[in-house]
Amino acid sequence: MTGFRSPSLGLRALQPAAFGADPSGERLARIRRSPHFKDGVFQNPGGTSRIRPAGSASAFAKIYFDREAKSHRAPHGTIPVHATTLADLARPPATGLRLTWMGHSSVLAEIDGHRVLFDPVWGERCSPFAFAGPKRLHPVPLPLAALGPVDVVVISHDHYDHLDMPTIKALAGTDTLFAVPLGVGAHLEHWGVSAGRLRELDWNESTRIGGLTLTATPARHFCGRGLRNTQHTLWASWVVAGEEHRIYHSGDTGYFEGFKDIGAEHGPFDATMIQIGAYSEFWPDIHMTPEEGVQAHLDLQAGDPAVGAMLPIHWATFNLAPHPWAEPGEGTMRATHKAGVTLAAPRAGEPFEPTDAPPATPWWRAVAKPPVEGWPTWPPVASSGPEPALAGE
């Protein structure tokens, strides 16, 4: 069996704690019994995915280090962040569903009287080291301690920009439960979360927490935190269903036909949180472009653009790809407009209720370097497509 060679005790002692821990014992046995595990690794839906950059290193370097392109990959001003307070979040959502995007893929969902925190990353860098790695481009909207009680923390996979050791250690001292994909629980136990607070799921498995049903659903991505990517922990998207509302969080994923199946089985959704950033032609199988993200939203809603709102995630907070910093926001705005999908485009930290949110403006333009051709008129003066519904400011 490949993919499970543990490092020697000497090497393990030199590894950063942020690398986490490899699955072992019954956790490892359960992984090996998974129908999605074959030849020592977890398999992606839809066939093999390229998890290493395609093309030549020189071609990638030419794009990544181009001076003009590089100038567009970071904001040119202070990113606006909504100063969320505990008082803001203490008021129950009028509709029973409220989402607060905290930046990148971190979202607080208040749903039918319960509080769910997706992929919380409060650290300054998405890296195993405090002195190196992609650094946060804007501050977190509020301190983790000011967030208030959380019923369950949901983790999509174990990459550093989704599973942050300092954040998990802080949450380990609370009463919250954790819903994670197979194998990821080994990291959390290594950092102080007791086994009794873990709900570790394979794809299409569900767990009940309070009045919520949480289901791990397929995604097209990969895993790994250490020096070797052994594909021994699972990655997932998540469905959370309450008494009145249903929401979906994509985690990281490439586009695949399975979105239609997830929508048919668990949808429609009052809101989807869809990854639309850190894409590249060099890794097209594992991250979605804005256009693919909007198509995924439509697939999840059985093709009906009038159902639910789409919240773009996985962008604006860290520089993880060669595309311009503002491009995911612009691309999603155009694609949702063309498709007639309701777009929720809040600033980080700005709570909104998907069915009762004010119209939005492209806030990122104020701090981004404009494209050479300038910003297009918004909203469009004339368009053959339907007028969008935007939410958040």
Foldseek 3Di string as FASTA:
>chain_A
DPLDDDDDPVVVVVDQLLQFDFDDDVLLVVLVPDPQDDPQAGAAPPGDFDAFFDDDPVVQCCLQPDPVLVQQAAWQDAFDAAQFFLVNVVDQDPVQWKWFFQAFQWIWIRHNNATETFLDDQQQALASDNPDHWGWRHHGNDDPVRNDDHAEYEFQASGSSRDPLVVLLVCLPDPHAYEYERGPVSRSVSSRRDPVRYHYYHAQDWDDGPQKIKGWHGAFAAHGRDPDRSNSTHGTKMWIDGPPFIETERRWHAADLCLLVQLVVRDDGQEYEFEADLDDPRRRGTHYHLLSRVVSNCSSNVNDQVHHEYEYHRAQTTRRHSGGRLRRVVSNVVNCQQSQHEYEYAHRRDMDRGVDFDADDSSSVVGGDADPVGDADPPHPDDPGHGHHYGHD
